[in-house]
Amino acid sequence: MASRTPTRRLVSPKQAAAEYGVSVDTIRRRISAGEVTGYRFGKRLIRVDLNELDAILRPIPSAKVGAA
């Protein structure tokens, strides 16, 4: 059987910012830094893949209770 690649979830930077509770500038900085791919459609329209944004999320380690 052929493996199935996940479907891209392309949205505008504004929609991505709203989804993650960040500013559009934050999304644009992530694109500029190469952490997320920006997809250009035509001269001005930019889209980002929500799957890529999901992939860069990292859990914050917590302190162990009772550790001495």
N, C-alpha and C. Protein backbone atom coordinates (compact mmCIF):
# COMPACT_ATOMS: atom_id res chain seq x y z
N MET A 1 0.84 -1.19 0.00
CA MET A 1 0.00 0.00 0.00
C MET A 1 0.88 1.24 0.00
N ALA A 2 0.46 2.23 -0.71
CA ALA A 2 1.18 3.50 -0.73
C ALA A 2 0.84 4.31 0.51
N SER A 3 1.89 4.94 1.08
CA SER A 3 1.61 5.77 2.25
C SER A 3 0.94 7.05 1.80
N ARG A 4 0.09 7.53 2.62
CA ARG A 4 -0.69 8.72 2.28
C ARG A 4 -0.07 9.94 2.95
N THR A 5 0.20 10.97 2.17
CA THR A 5 0.75 12.18 2.75
C THR A 5 -0.39 13.02 3.30
N PRO A 6 -0.14 13.72 4.41
CA PRO A 6 -1.20 14.54 4.99
C PRO A 6 -1.61 15.67 4.04
N THR A 7 -2.86 16.00 4.06
CA THR A 7 -3.37 17.08 3.24
C THR A 7 -2.90 18.41 3.79
N ARG A 8 -2.45 19.27 2.90
CA ARG A 8 -2.05 20.61 3.33
C ARG A 8 -3.29 21.38 3.78
N ARG A 9 -3.10 22.15 4.83
CA ARG A 9 -4.18 23.01 5.34
C ARG A 9 -3.71 24.45 5.14
N LEU A 10 -3.81 24.95 3.90
CA LEU A 10 -3.30 26.27 3.57
C LEU A 10 -4.29 27.36 3.95
N VAL A 11 -3.77 28.35 4.68
CA VAL A 11 -4.58 29.50 5.10
C VAL A 11 -3.73 30.76 4.95
N SER A 12 -4.37 31.90 5.03
CA SER A 12 -3.66 33.17 4.97
C SER A 12 -2.88 33.38 6.28
N PRO A 13 -1.86 34.23 6.25
CA PRO A 13 -1.16 34.55 7.50
C PRO A 13 -2.10 35.11 8.56
N LYS A 14 -3.10 35.87 8.15
CA LYS A 14 -4.06 36.43 9.10
C LYS A 14 -4.87 35.32 9.77
N GLN A 15 -5.32 34.34 8.98
CA GLN A 15 -6.08 33.22 9.53
C GLN A 15 -5.20 32.37 10.45
N ALA A 16 -3.94 32.16 10.06
CA ALA A 16 -3.01 31.38 10.88
C ALA A 16 -2.77 32.09 12.21
N ALA A 17 -2.59 33.41 12.15
CA ALA A 17 -2.36 34.18 13.38
C ALA A 17 -3.56 34.05 14.32
N ALA A 18 -4.76 34.13 13.78
CA ALA A 18 -5.96 33.99 14.60
C ALA A 18 -6.07 32.59 15.20
N GLU A 19 -5.69 31.59 14.43
CA GLU A 19 -5.77 30.19 14.88
C GLU A 19 -4.86 29.95 16.09
N TYR A 20 -3.68 30.57 16.09
CA TYR A 20 -2.70 30.32 17.15
C TYR A 20 -2.61 31.45 18.18
N GLY A 21 -3.41 32.48 18.01
CA GLY A 21 -3.42 33.57 18.98
C GLY A 21 -2.15 34.40 18.98
N VAL A 22 -1.58 34.59 17.80
CA VAL A 22 -0.37 35.41 17.65
C VAL A 22 -0.65 36.50 16.62
N SER A 23 0.32 37.38 16.43
CA SER A 23 0.14 38.45 15.45
C SER A 23 0.53 37.97 14.05
N VAL A 24 0.05 38.67 13.05
CA VAL A 24 0.43 38.38 11.67
C VAL A 24 1.94 38.56 11.51
N ASP A 25 2.50 39.55 12.21
CA ASP A 25 3.95 39.77 12.15
C ASP A 25 4.72 38.56 12.65
N THR A 26 4.20 37.88 13.66
CA THR A 26 4.85 36.66 14.16
C THR A 26 4.87 35.59 13.08
N ILE A 27 3.77 35.42 12.38
CA ILE A 27 3.72 34.44 11.29
C ILE A 27 4.71 34.83 10.20
N ARG A 28 4.76 36.10 9.85
CA ARG A 28 5.70 36.57 8.82
C ARG A 28 7.15 36.38 9.26
N ARG A 29 7.44 36.59 10.55
CA ARG A 29 8.80 36.36 11.06
C ARG A 29 9.18 34.88 10.96
N ARG A 30 8.24 34.01 11.26
CA ARG A 30 8.50 32.56 11.15
C ARG A 30 8.80 32.17 9.71
N ILE A 31 8.09 32.78 8.76
CA ILE A 31 8.35 32.52 7.34
C ILE A 31 9.74 33.04 6.98
N SER A 32 10.07 34.27 7.40
CA SER A 32 11.37 34.87 7.10
C SER A 32 12.52 34.07 7.69
N ALA A 33 12.30 33.50 8.88
CA ALA A 33 13.33 32.72 9.55
C ALA A 33 13.49 31.32 8.94
N GLY A 34 12.57 30.94 8.06
CA GLY A 34 12.63 29.62 7.44
C GLY A 34 12.05 28.52 8.31
N GLU A 35 11.37 28.89 9.38
CA GLU A 35 10.76 27.90 10.26
C GLU A 35 9.45 27.35 9.69
N VAL A 36 8.81 28.14 8.85
CA VAL A 36 7.55 27.78 8.20
C VAL A 36 7.66 28.18 6.74
N THR A 37 7.14 27.36 5.85
CA THR A 37 7.17 27.67 4.43
C THR A 37 6.01 28.60 4.08
N GLY A 38 6.32 29.67 3.38
CA GLY A 38 5.29 30.54 2.84
C GLY A 38 5.06 30.15 1.39
N TYR A 39 3.84 29.95 1.01
CA TYR A 39 3.49 29.57 -0.35
C TYR A 39 2.88 30.76 -1.05
N ARG A 40 3.49 31.17 -2.15
CA ARG A 40 2.98 32.31 -2.91
C ARG A 40 2.07 31.80 -4.02
N PHE A 41 0.94 32.43 -4.13
CA PHE A 41 -0.04 32.11 -5.17
C PHE A 41 -0.31 33.42 -5.90
N GLY A 42 0.32 33.60 -7.05
CA GLY A 42 0.23 34.88 -7.74
C GLY A 42 1.27 35.84 -7.19
N LYS A 43 1.09 37.13 -7.44
CA LYS A 43 2.08 38.11 -7.03
C LYS A 43 2.00 38.48 -5.55
N ARG A 44 0.81 38.48 -4.99
CA ARG A 44 0.65 39.00 -3.63
C ARG A 44 0.11 38.00 -2.61
N LEU A 45 -0.63 37.03 -3.05
CA LEU A 45 -1.31 36.11 -2.14
C LEU A 45 -0.33 35.13 -1.51
N ILE A 46 -0.28 35.09 -0.19
CA ILE A 46 0.60 34.18 0.55
C ILE A 46 -0.25 33.27 1.42
N ARG A 47 0.16 32.02 1.48
CA ARG A 47 -0.52 31.04 2.32
C ARG A 47 0.53 30.29 3.15
N VAL A 48 0.12 29.82 4.31
CA VAL A 48 0.96 28.97 5.15
C VAL A 48 0.18 27.70 5.48
N ASP A 49 0.92 26.63 5.75
CA ASP A 49 0.31 25.35 6.06
C ASP A 49 0.18 25.20 7.57
N LEU A 50 -1.03 25.04 8.06
CA LEU A 50 -1.24 24.88 9.50
C LEU A 50 -0.53 23.65 10.04
N ASN A 51 -0.34 22.62 9.21
CA ASN A 51 0.39 21.43 9.65
C ASN A 51 1.83 21.78 10.01
N GLU A 52 2.45 22.69 9.25
CA GLU A 52 3.82 23.11 9.55
C GLU A 52 3.86 23.89 10.87
N LEU A 53 2.86 24.72 11.09
CA LEU A 53 2.81 25.45 12.36
C LEU A 53 2.61 24.49 13.53
N ASP A 54 1.77 23.48 13.35
CA ASP A 54 1.59 22.46 14.39
C ASP A 54 2.92 21.78 14.70
N ALA A 55 3.73 21.54 13.67
CA ALA A 55 4.98 20.80 13.83
C ALA A 55 6.03 21.58 14.62
N ILE A 56 5.96 22.92 14.63
CA ILE A 56 6.98 23.68 15.35
C ILE A 56 6.58 23.96 16.80
N LEU A 57 5.39 23.59 17.19
CA LEU A 57 4.98 23.75 18.59
C LEU A 57 5.79 22.80 19.46
N ARG A 58 6.26 23.30 20.61
CA ARG A 58 7.02 22.49 21.54
C ARG A 58 6.41 22.58 22.92
N PRO A 59 6.35 21.46 23.63
CA PRO A 59 5.83 21.52 25.00
C PRO A 59 6.84 22.21 25.92
N ILE A 60 6.34 22.86 26.92
CA ILE A 60 7.18 23.49 27.93
C ILE A 60 7.42 22.47 29.03
N PRO A 61 8.68 22.17 29.34
CA PRO A 61 8.93 21.20 30.40
C PRO A 61 8.50 21.76 31.76
N SER A 62 7.93 20.94 32.56
CA SER A 62 7.49 21.40 33.89
C SER A 62 8.42 20.85 34.95
N ALA A 63 8.47 21.52 36.06
CA ALA A 63 9.29 21.06 37.19
C ALA A 63 8.62 19.84 37.81
N LYS A 64 9.41 18.87 38.17
CA LYS A 64 8.84 17.69 38.82
C LYS A 64 8.48 18.03 40.25
N VAL A 65 7.30 17.63 40.65
CA VAL A 65 6.84 17.87 42.02
C VAL A 65 7.60 16.97 42.96
N GLY A 66 8.12 17.57 44.02
CA GLY A 66 8.82 16.78 45.03
C GLY A 66 10.27 16.49 44.71
N ALA A 67 10.80 17.00 43.63
CA ALA A 67 12.20 16.76 43.28
C ALA A 67 13.09 17.62 44.19
N ALA A 68 14.14 17.02 44.71
CA ALA A 68 15.04 17.77 45.60
C ALA A 68 16.44 17.73 45.10
